[in-house]
Structures are given as C-alpha cells and as structure tokens.
Amino acid sequence: KMRSNNFTVSSMHGDMPQKERDAIMAEFRAGTTRVLITTDVWAHGLHVQQVSLVINYDLPNNRELYIHRIGRSGCFGRKGLAINFVRNDDIRILRDIEQYYSTQIDEMPMNVADLI
C-alpha cells in the first residue's frame, strides 16, 4: 500500500540470506529507498545516519531491545523520534521501560499537527 502511494519501501527479516540483507541496507543507506520495514534483525549493530523516525508496531518485552530499536533514530547528534503503538496488554511493559530508564514516554496527541 505504501508503494502505491509513491513511497520507496524496502523490507528485510532474519530469514533472508545475508547477501540480500546487505543489498537492501546498501539501498537504504544510499537513499534509494526511504522506508525500511524490518524485524529485530535490524536492532543490533546497524547504524544509518539518516534514520530520524522509528515506529514500533509492537513493544519488545526486553528493555535493552527497546533501547536498541529506538536508538536507531537520532544517532550521530541528530534529532530522532520513536513512536510506539501500545495495546492495553503492553502498558505493563511500557511502564517497566519508563521506570528502568527513568523517563516518561508521552502519549501522542490525536491531532499530530499539535506536535509541529
């Protein structure tokens, strides 16, 4: 659906051959694709300067994995944003992450224009 709306999109997952994942990452780093949809295969050790937004469609149940995921945005002194889709079942995990990292993760307003 994103492609039909003219977004350049790539996707990758851990079951792909390493050579294919490397090619996808090269495209993403070069800016050939602007959106990368991935599993946690991307959460560790991959640094791409131009990532400014990370969207978690599901919260990891591991605090460290959460930080690895959102740490992809705003690297190298740049600003970044992480958006989490949180179900009622995820509230406990979210509160645990907040407490562990001594932070507050704010709920996004329904009118996103209020953020700008």
PDB file of N, CA and C in Angstrom:
ATOM      1  N   LYS A   1       0.825  -1.192   0.000  1.00  0.00           N
ATOM      2  CA  LYS A   1       0.000   0.000   0.000  1.00  0.00           C
ATOM      3  C   LYS A   1       0.873   1.261   0.000  1.00  0.00           C
ATOM      4  N   MET A   2       1.963   1.225   0.743  1.00  0.00           N
ATOM      5  CA  MET A   2       2.845   2.396   0.757  1.00  0.00           C
ATOM      6  C   MET A   2       3.437   2.645  -0.626  1.00  0.00           C
ATOM      7  N   ARG A   3       3.818   1.575  -1.299  1.00  0.00           N
ATOM      8  CA  ARG A   3       4.374   1.729  -2.648  1.00  0.00           C
ATOM      9  C   ARG A   3       3.354   2.333  -3.605  1.00  0.00           C
ATOM     10  N   SER A   4       2.091   1.952  -3.452  1.00  0.00           N
ATOM     11  CA  SER A   4       1.057   2.505  -4.333  1.00  0.00           C
ATOM     12  C   SER A   4       0.849   3.994  -4.083  1.00  0.00           C
ATOM     13  N   ASN A   5       1.339   4.484  -2.936  1.00  0.00           N
ATOM     14  CA  ASN A   5       1.282   5.913  -2.626  1.00  0.00           C
ATOM     15  C   ASN A   5       2.642   6.581  -2.836  1.00  0.00           C
ATOM     16  N   ASN A   6       3.458   5.967  -3.678  1.00  0.00           N
ATOM     17  CA  ASN A   6       4.752   6.506  -4.110  1.00  0.00           C
ATOM     18  C   ASN A   6       5.816   6.611  -3.021  1.00  0.00           C
ATOM     19  N   PHE A   7       5.736   5.777  -1.987  1.00  0.00           N
ATOM     20  CA  PHE A   7       6.825   5.677  -1.023  1.00  0.00           C
ATOM     21  C   PHE A   7       7.797   4.631  -1.549  1.00  0.00           C
ATOM     22  N   THR A   8       9.088   4.907  -1.427  1.00  0.00           N
ATOM     23  CA  THR A   8      10.083   3.903  -1.791  1.00  0.00           C
ATOM     24  C   THR A   8      10.350   3.063  -0.547  1.00  0.00           C
ATOM     25  N   VAL A   9       9.999   1.799  -0.617  1.00  0.00           N
ATOM     26  CA  VAL A   9       9.989   0.924   0.554  1.00  0.00           C
ATOM     27  C   VAL A   9      10.821  -0.327   0.301  1.00  0.00           C
ATOM     28  N   SER A  10      11.593  -0.705   1.320  1.00  0.00           N
ATOM     29  CA  SER A  10      12.284  -1.999   1.336  1.00  0.00           C
ATOM     30  C   SER A  10      11.899  -2.708   2.619  1.00  0.00           C
ATOM     31  N   SER A  11      12.047  -4.010   2.617  1.00  0.00           N
ATOM     32  CA  SER A  11      11.793  -4.762   3.849  1.00  0.00           C
ATOM     33  C   SER A  11      12.807  -5.886   3.950  1.00  0.00           C
ATOM     34  N   MET A  12      13.100  -6.257   5.198  1.00  0.00           N
ATOM     35  CA  MET A  12      14.012  -7.378   5.399  1.00  0.00           C
ATOM     36  C   MET A  12      13.719  -8.048   6.732  1.00  0.00           C
ATOM     37  N   HIS A  13      14.152  -9.307   6.821  1.00  0.00           N
ATOM     38  CA  HIS A  13      13.944 -10.086   8.038  1.00  0.00           C
ATOM     39  C   HIS A  13      15.091 -11.082   8.186  1.00  0.00           C
ATOM     40  N   GLY A  14      15.168 -11.682   9.350  1.00  0.00           N
ATOM     41  CA  GLY A  14      16.279 -12.563   9.681  1.00  0.00           C
ATOM     42  C   GLY A  14      16.379 -13.826   8.855  1.00  0.00           C
ATOM     43  N   ASP A  15      15.302 -14.235   8.193  1.00  0.00           N
ATOM     44  CA  ASP A  15      15.345 -15.454   7.383  1.00  0.00           C
ATOM     45  C   ASP A  15      15.909 -15.212   5.985  1.00  0.00           C
ATOM     46  N   MET A  16      16.189 -13.957   5.645  1.00  0.00           N
ATOM     47  CA  MET A  16      16.757 -13.643   4.333  1.00  0.00           C
ATOM     48  C   MET A  16      18.246 -13.971   4.329  1.00  0.00           C
ATOM     49  N   PRO A  17      18.774 -14.356   3.185  1.00  0.00           N
ATOM     50  CA  PRO A  17      20.224 -14.560   3.092  1.00  0.00           C
ATOM     51  C   PRO A  17      20.963 -13.250   3.393  1.00  0.00           C
ATOM     52  N   GLN A  18      22.119 -13.352   4.007  1.00  0.00           N
ATOM     53  CA  GLN A  18      22.893 -12.166   4.388  1.00  0.00           C
ATOM     54  C   GLN A  18      23.183 -11.274   3.186  1.00  0.00           C
ATOM     55  N   LYS A  19      23.472 -11.873   2.048  1.00  0.00           N
ATOM     56  CA  LYS A  19      23.782 -11.100   0.840  1.00  0.00           C
ATOM     57  C   LYS A  19      22.595 -10.210   0.445  1.00  0.00           C
ATOM     58  N   GLU A  20      21.390 -10.750   0.552  1.00  0.00           N
ATOM     59  CA  GLU A  20      20.191  -9.981   0.220  1.00  0.00           C
ATOM     60  C   GLU A  20      19.980  -8.851   1.229  1.00  0.00           C
ATOM     61  N   ARG A  21      20.183  -9.144   2.521  1.00  0.00           N
ATOM     62  CA  ARG A  21      20.055  -8.097   3.546  1.00  0.00           C
ATOM     63  C   ARG A  21      21.084  -6.995   3.329  1.00  0.00           C
ATOM     64  N   ASP A  22      22.305  -7.374   2.964  1.00  0.00           N
ATOM     65  CA  ASP A  22      23.348  -6.378   2.700  1.00  0.00           C
ATOM     66  C   ASP A  22      22.956  -5.468   1.539  1.00  0.00           C
ATOM     67  N   ALA A  23      22.375  -6.041   0.493  1.00  0.00           N
ATOM     68  CA  ALA A  23      21.950  -5.244  -0.667  1.00  0.00           C
ATOM     69  C   ALA A  23      20.841  -4.273  -0.274  1.00  0.00           C
ATOM     70  N   ILE A  24      19.904  -4.731   0.533  1.00  0.00           N
ATOM     71  CA  ILE A  24      18.809  -3.866   0.987  1.00  0.00           C
ATOM     72  C   ILE A  24      19.366  -2.726   1.836  1.00  0.00           C
ATOM     73  N   MET A  25      20.300  -3.038   2.740  1.00  0.00           N
ATOM     74  CA  MET A  25      20.899  -1.997   3.574  1.00  0.00           C
ATOM     75  C   MET A  25      21.673  -0.996   2.735  1.00  0.00           C
ATOM     76  N   ALA A  26      22.360  -1.456   1.703  1.00  0.00           N
ATOM     77  CA  ALA A  26      23.101  -0.546   0.823  1.00  0.00           C
ATOM     78  C   ALA A  26      22.141   0.417   0.134  1.00  0.00           C
ATOM     79  N   GLU A  27      21.002  -0.093  -0.326  1.00  0.00           N
ATOM     80  CA  GLU A  27      19.985   0.768  -0.945  1.00  0.00           C
ATOM     81  C   GLU A  27      19.469   1.800   0.050  1.00  0.00           C
ATOM     82  N   PHE A  28      19.200   1.351   1.270  1.00  0.00           N
ATOM     83  CA  PHE A  28      18.660   2.251   2.287  1.00  0.00           C
ATOM     84  C   PHE A  28      19.686   3.324   2.667  1.00  0.00           C
ATOM     85  N   ARG A  29      20.919   2.916   2.863  1.00  0.00           N
ATOM     86  CA  ARG A  29      21.978   3.880   3.206  1.00  0.00           C
ATOM     87  C   ARG A  29      22.179   4.905   2.093  1.00  0.00           C
ATOM     88  N   ALA A  30      22.048   4.462   0.852  1.00  0.00           N
ATOM     89  CA  ALA A  30      22.230   5.356  -0.292  1.00  0.00           C
ATOM     90  C   ALA A  30      21.031   6.270  -0.513  1.00  0.00           C
ATOM     91  N   GLY A  31      19.935   5.997   0.168  1.00  0.00           N
ATOM     92  CA  GLY A  31      18.743   6.822  -0.003  1.00  0.00           C
ATOM     93  C   GLY A  31      17.861   6.380  -1.151  1.00  0.00           C
ATOM     94  N   THR A  32      18.184   5.249  -1.765  1.00  0.00           N
ATOM     95  CA  THR A  32      17.359   4.727  -2.855  1.00  0.00           C
ATOM     96  C   THR A  32      15.969   4.380  -2.350  1.00  0.00           C
ATOM     97  N   THR A  33      15.909   3.817  -1.157  1.00  0.00           N
ATOM     98  CA  THR A  33      14.618   3.596  -0.501  1.00  0.00           C
ATOM     99  C   THR A  33      14.581   4.452   0.754  1.00  0.00           C
ATOM    100  N   ARG A  34      13.426   5.014   1.047  1.00  0.00           N
ATOM    101  CA  ARG A  34      13.295   5.933   2.183  1.00  0.00           C
ATOM    102  C   ARG A  34      12.645   5.283   3.394  1.00  0.00           C
ATOM    103  N   VAL A  35      11.998   4.141   3.193  1.00  0.00           N
ATOM    104  CA  VAL A  35      11.325   3.441   4.284  1.00  0.00           C
ATOM    105  C   VAL A  35      11.881   2.024   4.346  1.00  0.00           C
ATOM    106  N   LEU A  36      12.269   1.615   5.548  1.00  0.00           N
ATOM    107  CA  LEU A  36      12.753   0.254   5.748  1.00  0.00           C
ATOM    108  C   LEU A  36      11.885  -0.405   6.808  1.00  0.00           C
ATOM    109  N   ILE A  37      11.208  -1.456   6.418  1.00  0.00           N
ATOM    110  CA  ILE A  37      10.378  -2.227   7.343  1.00  0.00           C
ATOM    111  C   ILE A  37      11.162  -3.482   7.680  1.00  0.00           C
ATOM    112  N   THR A  38      11.363  -3.707   8.975  1.00  0.00           N
ATOM    113  CA  THR A  38      12.230  -4.813   9.370  1.00  0.00           C
ATOM    114  C   THR A  38      11.822  -5.402  10.707  1.00  0.00           C
ATOM    115  N   THR A  39      12.322  -6.577  10.962  1.00  0.00           N
ATOM    116  CA  THR A  39      12.140  -7.222  12.258  1.00  0.00           C
ATOM    117  C   THR A  39      13.311  -6.803  13.140  1.00  0.00           C
ATOM    118  N   ASP A  40      13.456  -7.444  14.275  1.00  0.00           N
ATOM    119  CA  ASP A  40      14.532  -7.084  15.197  1.00  0.00           C
ATOM    120  C   ASP A  40      15.919  -7.400  14.668  1.00  0.00           C
ATOM    121  N   VAL A  41      16.009  -7.982  13.480  1.00  0.00           N
ATOM    122  CA  VAL A  41      17.308  -8.236  12.867  1.00  0.00           C
ATOM    123  C   VAL A  41      18.080  -6.923  12.747  1.00  0.00           C
ATOM    124  N   TRP A  42      17.374  -5.808  12.673  1.00  0.00           N
ATOM    125  CA  TRP A  42      17.999  -4.505  12.465  1.00  0.00           C
ATOM    126  C   TRP A  42      18.310  -3.789  13.771  1.00  0.00           C
ATOM    127  N   ALA A  43      17.888  -4.332  14.890  1.00  0.00           N
ATOM    128  CA  ALA A  43      18.010  -3.616  16.158  1.00  0.00           C
ATOM    129  C   ALA A  43      19.438  -3.562  16.690  1.00  0.00           C
ATOM    130  N   HIS A  44      20.284  -4.455  16.293  1.00  0.00           N
ATOM    131  CA  HIS A  44      21.635  -4.511  16.855  1.00  0.00           C
ATOM    132  C   HIS A  44      22.700  -4.210  15.813  1.00  0.00           C
ATOM    133  N   GLY A  45      23.556  -3.274  16.127  1.00  0.00           N
ATOM    134  CA  GLY A  45      24.784  -3.090  15.380  1.00  0.00           C
ATOM    135  C   GLY A  45      24.687  -2.440  14.016  1.00  0.00           C
ATOM    136  N   LEU A  46      23.544  -2.016  13.595  1.00  0.00           N
ATOM    137  CA  LEU A  46      23.424  -1.361  12.301  1.00  0.00           C
ATOM    138  C   LEU A  46      23.180   0.124  12.530  1.00  0.00           C
ATOM    139  N   HIS A  47      24.034   0.945  11.975  1.00  0.00           N
ATOM    140  CA  HIS A  47      23.929   2.385  12.186  1.00  0.00           C
ATOM    141  C   HIS A  47      23.781   3.069  10.832  1.00  0.00           C
ATOM    142  N   VAL A  48      22.699   3.795  10.685  1.00  0.00           N
ATOM    143  CA  VAL A  48      22.437   4.528   9.454  1.00  0.00           C
ATOM    144  C   VAL A  48      22.157   5.965   9.850  1.00  0.00           C
ATOM    145  N   GLN A  49      22.979   6.869   9.370  1.00  0.00           N
ATOM    146  CA  GLN A  49      22.931   8.253   9.804  1.00  0.00           C
ATOM    147  C   GLN A  49      21.579   8.921   9.572  1.00  0.00           C
ATOM    148  N   GLN A  50      20.928   8.640   8.473  1.00  0.00           N
ATOM    149  CA  GLN A  50      19.738   9.397   8.110  1.00  0.00           C
ATOM    150  C   GLN A  50      18.445   8.916   8.760  1.00  0.00           C
ATOM    151  N   VAL A  51      18.486   7.944   9.661  1.00  0.00           N
ATOM    152  CA  VAL A  51      17.260   7.481  10.310  1.00  0.00           C
ATOM    153  C   VAL A  51      16.817   8.518  11.331  1.00  0.00           C
ATOM    154  N   SER A  52      15.619   9.045  11.146  1.00  0.00           N
ATOM    155  CA  SER A  52      15.097  10.043  12.080  1.00  0.00           C
ATOM    156  C   SER A  52      13.816   9.576  12.754  1.00  0.00           C
ATOM    157  N   LEU A  53      13.239   8.491  12.287  1.00  0.00           N
ATOM    158  CA  LEU A  53      11.976   8.004  12.835  1.00  0.00           C
ATOM    159  C   LEU A  53      11.998   6.487  12.926  1.00  0.00           C
ATOM    160  N   VAL A  54      11.637   5.982  14.102  1.00  0.00           N
ATOM    161  CA  VAL A  54      11.461   4.546  14.311  1.00  0.00           C
ATOM    162  C   VAL A  54      10.047   4.347  14.817  1.00  0.00           C
ATOM    163  N   ILE A  55       9.313   3.437  14.196  1.00  0.00           N
ATOM    164  CA  ILE A  55       7.955   3.118  14.637  1.00  0.00           C
ATOM    165  C   ILE A  55       7.951   1.677  15.124  1.00  0.00           C
ATOM    166  N   ASN A  56       7.580   1.496  16.376  1.00  0.00           N
ATOM    167  CA  ASN A  56       7.444   0.158  16.950  1.00  0.00           C
ATOM    168  C   ASN A  56       5.985  -0.263  16.837  1.00  0.00           C
ATOM    169  N   TYR A  57       5.716  -1.208  15.971  1.00  0.00           N
ATOM    170  CA  TYR A  57       4.352  -1.716  15.844  1.00  0.00           C
ATOM    171  C   TYR A  57       3.998  -2.624  17.007  1.00  0.00           C
ATOM    172  N   ASP A  58       5.009  -3.151  17.655  1.00  0.00           N
ATOM    173  CA  ASP A  58       4.808  -3.915  18.887  1.00  0.00           C
ATOM    174  C   ASP A  58       5.995  -3.634  19.792  1.00  0.00           C
ATOM    175  N   LEU A  59       5.743  -3.541  21.080  1.00  0.00           N
ATOM    176  CA  LEU A  59       6.823  -3.294  22.026  1.00  0.00           C
ATOM    177  C   LEU A  59       7.573  -4.591  22.296  1.00  0.00           C
ATOM    178  N   PRO A  60       8.893  -4.523  22.337  1.00  0.00           N
ATOM    179  CA  PRO A  60       9.623  -5.723  22.736  1.00  0.00           C
ATOM    180  C   PRO A  60       9.435  -5.938  24.231  1.00  0.00           C
ATOM    181  N   ASN A  61       9.484  -7.166  24.672  1.00  0.00           N
ATOM    182  CA  ASN A  61       9.331  -7.420  26.100  1.00  0.00           C
ATOM    183  C   ASN A  61      10.675  -7.390  26.812  1.00  0.00           C
ATOM    184  N   ASN A  62      11.669  -6.837  26.163  1.00  0.00           N
ATOM    185  CA  ASN A  62      13.017  -6.753  26.687  1.00  0.00           C
ATOM    186  C   ASN A  62      13.451  -5.284  26.645  1.00  0.00           C
ATOM    187  N   ARG A  63      13.790  -4.713  27.794  1.00  0.00           N
ATOM    188  CA  ARG A  63      14.149  -3.283  27.877  1.00  0.00           C
ATOM    189  C   ARG A  63      15.321  -2.926  26.975  1.00  0.00           C
ATOM    190  N   GLU A  64      16.333  -3.779  26.967  1.00  0.00           N
ATOM    191  CA  GLU A  64      17.519  -3.491  26.173  1.00  0.00           C
ATOM    192  C   GLU A  64      17.199  -3.490  24.677  1.00  0.00           C
ATOM    193  N   LEU A  65      16.351  -4.398  24.255  1.00  0.00           N
ATOM    194  CA  LEU A  65      15.956  -4.440  22.850  1.00  0.00           C
ATOM    195  C   LEU A  65      15.183  -3.177  22.467  1.00  0.00           C
ATOM    196  N   TYR A  66      14.373  -2.668  23.393  1.00  0.00           N
ATOM    197  CA  TYR A  66      13.653  -1.419  23.123  1.00  0.00           C
ATOM    198  C   TYR A  66      14.649  -0.290  22.848  1.00  0.00           C
ATOM    199  N   ILE A  67      15.661  -0.172  23.689  1.00  0.00           N
ATOM    200  CA  ILE A  67      16.662   0.883  23.507  1.00  0.00           C
ATOM    201  C   ILE A  67      17.429   0.677  22.204  1.00  0.00           C
ATOM    202  N   HIS A  68      17.760  -0.556  21.871  1.00  0.00           N
ATOM    203  CA  HIS A  68      18.448  -0.808  20.600  1.00  0.00           C
ATOM    204  C   HIS A  68      17.567  -0.398  19.427  1.00  0.00           C
ATOM    205  N   ARG A  69      16.276  -0.691  19.511  1.00  0.00           N
ATOM    206  CA  ARG A  69      15.367  -0.315  18.419  1.00  0.00           C
ATOM    207  C   ARG A  69      15.285   1.197  18.262  1.00  0.00           C
ATOM    208  N   ILE A  70      14.948   1.899  19.341  1.00  0.00           N
ATOM    209  CA  ILE A  70      14.733   3.343  19.202  1.00  0.00           C
ATOM    210  C   ILE A  70      16.040   4.098  19.038  1.00  0.00           C
ATOM    211  N   GLY A  71      17.138   3.470  19.447  1.00  0.00           N
ATOM    212  CA  GLY A  71      18.440   4.107  19.295  1.00  0.00           C
ATOM    213  C   GLY A  71      18.874   4.259  17.855  1.00  0.00           C
ATOM    214  N   ARG A  72      18.150   3.648  16.937  1.00  0.00           N
ATOM    215  CA  ARG A  72      18.454   3.804  15.511  1.00  0.00           C
ATOM    216  C   ARG A  72      18.078   5.206  15.043  1.00  0.00           C
ATOM    217  N   SER A  73      17.169   5.877  15.759  1.00  0.00           N
ATOM    218  CA  SER A  73      16.776   7.232  15.356  1.00  0.00           C
ATOM    219  C   SER A  73      17.612   8.241  16.126  1.00  0.00           C
ATOM    220  N   GLY A  74      17.963   9.309  15.477  1.00  0.00           N
ATOM    221  CA  GLY A  74      18.671  10.385  16.147  1.00  0.00           C
ATOM    222  C   GLY A  74      20.119  10.091  16.480  1.00  0.00           C
ATOM    223  N   CYS A  75      20.724   9.165  15.786  1.00  0.00           N
ATOM    224  CA  CYS A  75      22.148   8.882  16.019  1.00  0.00           C
ATOM    225  C   CYS A  75      23.003  10.006  15.446  1.00  0.00           C
ATOM    226  N   PHE A  76      24.254  10.003  15.817  1.00  0.00           N
ATOM    227  CA  PHE A  76      25.236  10.928  15.260  1.00  0.00           C
ATOM    228  C   PHE A  76      24.872  12.387  15.523  1.00  0.00           C
ATOM    229  N   GLY A  77      24.284  12.670  16.697  1.00  0.00           N
ATOM    230  CA  GLY A  77      23.953  14.037  17.078  1.00  0.00           C
ATOM    231  C   GLY A  77      22.712  14.607  16.417  1.00  0.00           C
ATOM    232  N   ARG A  78      21.994  13.801  15.674  1.00  0.00           N
ATOM    233  CA  ARG A  78      20.771  14.277  15.015  1.00  0.00           C
ATOM    234  C   ARG A  78      19.567  14.022  15.904  1.00  0.00           C
ATOM    235  N   LYS A  79      18.511  14.777  15.654  1.00  0.00           N
ATOM    236  CA  LYS A  79      17.273  14.555  16.395  1.00  0.00           C
ATOM    237  C   LYS A  79      16.561  13.340  15.829  1.00  0.00           C
ATOM    238  N   GLY A  80      15.831  12.660  16.700  1.00  0.00           N
ATOM    239  CA  GLY A  80      15.091  11.489  16.271  1.00  0.00           C
ATOM    240  C   GLY A  80      13.803  11.351  17.050  1.00  0.00           C
ATOM    241  N   LEU A  81      12.915  10.549  16.536  1.00  0.00           N
ATOM    242  CA  LEU A  81      11.610  10.339  17.150  1.00  0.00           C
ATOM    243  C   LEU A  81      11.283   8.856  17.098  1.00  0.00           C
ATOM    244  N   ALA A  82      10.740   8.359  18.194  1.00  0.00           N
ATOM    245  CA  ALA A  82      10.250   6.979  18.234  1.00  0.00           C
ATOM    246  C   ALA A  82       8.767   7.023  18.556  1.00  0.00           C
ATOM    247  N   ILE A  83       7.989   6.301  17.784  1.00  0.00           N
ATOM    248  CA  ILE A  83       6.545   6.190  18.006  1.00  0.00           C
ATOM    249  C   ILE A  83       6.255   4.732  18.316  1.00  0.00           C
ATOM    250  N   ASN A  84       5.514   4.502  19.383  1.00  0.00           N
ATOM    251  CA  ASN A  84       5.155   3.146  19.799  1.00  0.00           C
ATOM    252  C   ASN A  84       3.650   2.963  19.694  1.00  0.00           C
ATOM    253  N   PHE A  85       3.229   1.922  19.020  1.00  0.00           N
ATOM    254  CA  PHE A  85       1.823   1.535  19.074  1.00  0.00           C
ATOM    255  C   PHE A  85       1.677   0.647  20.296  1.00  0.00           C
ATOM    256  N   VAL A  86       0.843   1.064  21.237  1.00  0.00           N
ATOM    257  CA  VAL A  86       0.739   0.368  22.518  1.00  0.00           C
ATOM    258  C   VAL A  86      -0.686  -0.129  22.715  1.00  0.00           C
ATOM    259  N   ARG A  87      -0.811  -1.431  22.908  1.00  0.00           N
ATOM    260  CA  ARG A  87      -2.104  -2.030  23.239  1.00  0.00           C
ATOM    261  C   ARG A  87      -2.238  -2.057  24.753  1.00  0.00           C
ATOM    262  N   ASN A  88      -3.438  -2.293  25.230  1.00  0.00           N
ATOM    263  CA  ASN A  88      -3.648  -2.387  26.678  1.00  0.00           C
ATOM    264  C   ASN A  88      -2.736  -3.437  27.298  1.00  0.00           C
ATOM    265  N   ASP A  89      -2.495  -4.527  26.580  1.00  0.00           N
ATOM    266  CA  ASP A  89      -1.619  -5.592  27.077  1.00  0.00           C
ATOM    267  C   ASP A  89      -0.164  -5.141  27.222  1.00  0.00           C
ATOM    268  N   ASP A  90       0.198  -4.041  26.558  1.00  0.00           N
ATOM    269  CA  ASP A  90       1.584  -3.562  26.561  1.00  0.00           C
ATOM    270  C   ASP A  90       1.883  -2.534  27.651  1.00  0.00           C
ATOM    271  N   ILE A  91       0.864  -2.065  28.339  1.00  0.00           N
ATOM    272  CA  ILE A  91       1.054  -0.992  29.323  1.00  0.00           C
ATOM    273  C   ILE A  91       2.088  -1.385  30.376  1.00  0.00           C
ATOM    274  N   ARG A  92       2.028  -2.606  30.863  1.00  0.00           N
ATOM    275  CA  ARG A  92       2.981  -3.057  31.883  1.00  0.00           C
ATOM    276  C   ARG A  92       4.415  -2.976  31.351  1.00  0.00           C
ATOM    277  N   ILE A  93       4.621  -3.400  30.127  1.00  0.00           N
ATOM    278  CA  ILE A  93       5.954  -3.348  29.515  1.00  0.00           C
ATOM    279  C   ILE A  93       6.411  -1.899  29.372  1.00  0.00           C
ATOM    280  N   LEU A  94       5.512  -1.041  28.908  1.00  0.00           N
ATOM    281  CA  LEU A  94       5.836   0.372  28.732  1.00  0.00           C
ATOM    282  C   LEU A  94       6.246   1.005  30.059  1.00  0.00           C
ATOM    283  N   ARG A  95       5.488   0.749  31.107  1.00  0.00           N
ATOM    284  CA  ARG A  95       5.803   1.309  32.436  1.00  0.00           C
ATOM    285  C   ARG A  95       7.140   0.779  32.944  1.00  0.00           C
ATOM    286  N   ASP A  96       7.428  -0.484  32.678  1.00  0.00           N
ATOM    287  CA  ASP A  96       8.701  -1.065  33.085  1.00  0.00           C
ATOM    288  C   ASP A  96       9.863  -0.362  32.379  1.00  0.00           C
ATOM    289  N   ILE A  97       9.714  -0.100  31.092  1.00  0.00           N
ATOM    290  CA  ILE A  97      10.743   0.609  30.325  1.00  0.00           C
ATOM    291  C   ILE A  97      10.932   2.012  30.893  1.00  0.00           C
ATOM    292  N   GLU A  98       9.832   2.713  31.146  1.00  0.00           N
ATOM    293  CA  GLU A  98       9.914   4.067  31.706  1.00  0.00           C
ATOM    294  C   GLU A  98      10.646   4.062  33.047  1.00  0.00           C
ATOM    295  N   GLN A  99      10.274   3.144  33.910  1.00  0.00           N
ATOM    296  CA  GLN A  99      10.872   3.086  35.240  1.00  0.00           C
ATOM    297  C   GLN A  99      12.361   2.742  35.155  1.00  0.00           C
ATOM    298  N   TYR A 100      12.697   1.766  34.369  1.00  0.00           N
ATOM    299  CA  TYR A 100      14.083   1.319  34.262  1.00  0.00           C
ATOM    300  C   TYR A 100      14.996   2.431  33.744  1.00  0.00           C
ATOM    301  N   TYR A 101      14.523   3.196  32.753  1.00  0.00           N
ATOM    302  CA  TYR A 101      15.340   4.247  32.154  1.00  0.00           C
ATOM    303  C   TYR A 101      15.049   5.627  32.736  1.00  0.00           C
ATOM    304  N   SER A 102      14.260   5.692  33.805  1.00  0.00           N
ATOM    305  CA  SER A 102      13.926   6.958  34.481  1.00  0.00           C
ATOM    306  C   SER A 102      13.467   8.011  33.484  1.00  0.00           C
ATOM    307  N   THR A 103      12.475   7.647  32.698  1.00  0.00           N
ATOM    308  CA  THR A 103      11.952   8.559  31.693  1.00  0.00           C
ATOM    309  C   THR A 103      10.438   8.434  31.632  1.00  0.00           C
ATOM    310  N   GLN A 104       9.827   9.341  30.909  1.00  0.00           N
ATOM    311  CA  GLN A 104       8.388   9.267  30.674  1.00  0.00           C
ATOM    312  C   GLN A 104       8.159   9.268  29.169  1.00  0.00           C
ATOM    313  N   ILE A 105       7.428   8.299  28.699  1.00  0.00           N
ATOM    314  CA  ILE A 105       7.084   8.215  27.283  1.00  0.00           C
ATOM    315  C   ILE A 105       5.683   8.784  27.151  1.00  0.00           C
ATOM    316  N   ASP A 106       5.585   9.927  26.491  1.00  0.00           N
ATOM    317  CA  ASP A 106       4.317  10.646  26.412  1.00  0.00           C
ATOM    318  C   ASP A 106       3.398  10.061  25.355  1.00  0.00           C
ATOM    319  N   GLU A 107       2.111  10.140  25.643  1.00  0.00           N
ATOM    320  CA  GLU A 107       1.109   9.727  24.666  1.00  0.00           C
ATOM    321  C   GLU A 107       1.033  10.784  23.579  1.00  0.00           C
ATOM    322  N   MET A 108       0.967  10.335  22.356  1.00  0.00           N
ATOM    323  CA  MET A 108       0.895  11.244  21.225  1.00  0.00           C
ATOM    324  C   MET A 108      -0.507  11.821  21.121  1.00  0.00           C
ATOM    325  N   PRO A 109      -0.629  13.119  20.869  1.00  0.00           N
ATOM    326  CA  PRO A 109      -1.970  13.695  20.731  1.00  0.00           C
ATOM    327  C   PRO A 109      -2.664  13.158  19.482  1.00  0.00           C
ATOM    328  N   MET A 110      -3.968  13.107  19.537  1.00  0.00           N
ATOM    329  CA  MET A 110      -4.725  12.629  18.379  1.00  0.00           C
ATOM    330  C   MET A 110      -4.503  13.532  17.174  1.00  0.00           C
ATOM    331  N   ASN A 111      -4.312  14.819  17.420  1.00  0.00           N
ATOM    332  CA  ASN A 111      -4.047  15.757  16.340  1.00  0.00           C
ATOM    333  C   ASN A 111      -2.534  15.926  16.227  1.00  0.00           C
ATOM    334  N   VAL A 112      -1.929  15.223  15.301  1.00  0.00           N
ATOM    335  CA  VAL A 112      -0.479  15.226  15.156  1.00  0.00           C
ATOM    336  C   VAL A 112       0.040  16.626  14.843  1.00  0.00           C
ATOM    337  N   ALA A 113      -0.774  17.468  14.256  1.00  0.00           N
ATOM    338  CA  ALA A 113      -0.356  18.839  13.957  1.00  0.00           C
ATOM    339  C   ALA A 113       0.029  19.585  15.228  1.00  0.00           C
ATOM    340  N   ASP A 114      -0.492  19.151  16.380  1.00  0.00           N
ATOM    341  CA  ASP A 114      -0.131  19.782  17.651  1.00  0.00           C
ATOM    342  C   ASP A 114       1.341  19.581  17.985  1.00  0.00           C
ATOM    343  N   LEU A 115       1.984  18.597  17.392  1.00  0.00           N
ATOM    344  CA  LEU A 115       3.399  18.339  17.650  1.00  0.00           C
ATOM    345  C   LEU A 115       4.308  19.279  16.875  1.00  0.00           C
ATOM    346  N   ILE A 116       3.793  19.845  15.818  1.00  0.00           N
ATOM    347  CA  ILE A 116       4.622  20.668  14.920  1.00  0.00           C
ATOM    348  C   ILE A 116       4.637  22.112  15.362  1.00  0.00           C
TER     349      ILE A 116
END
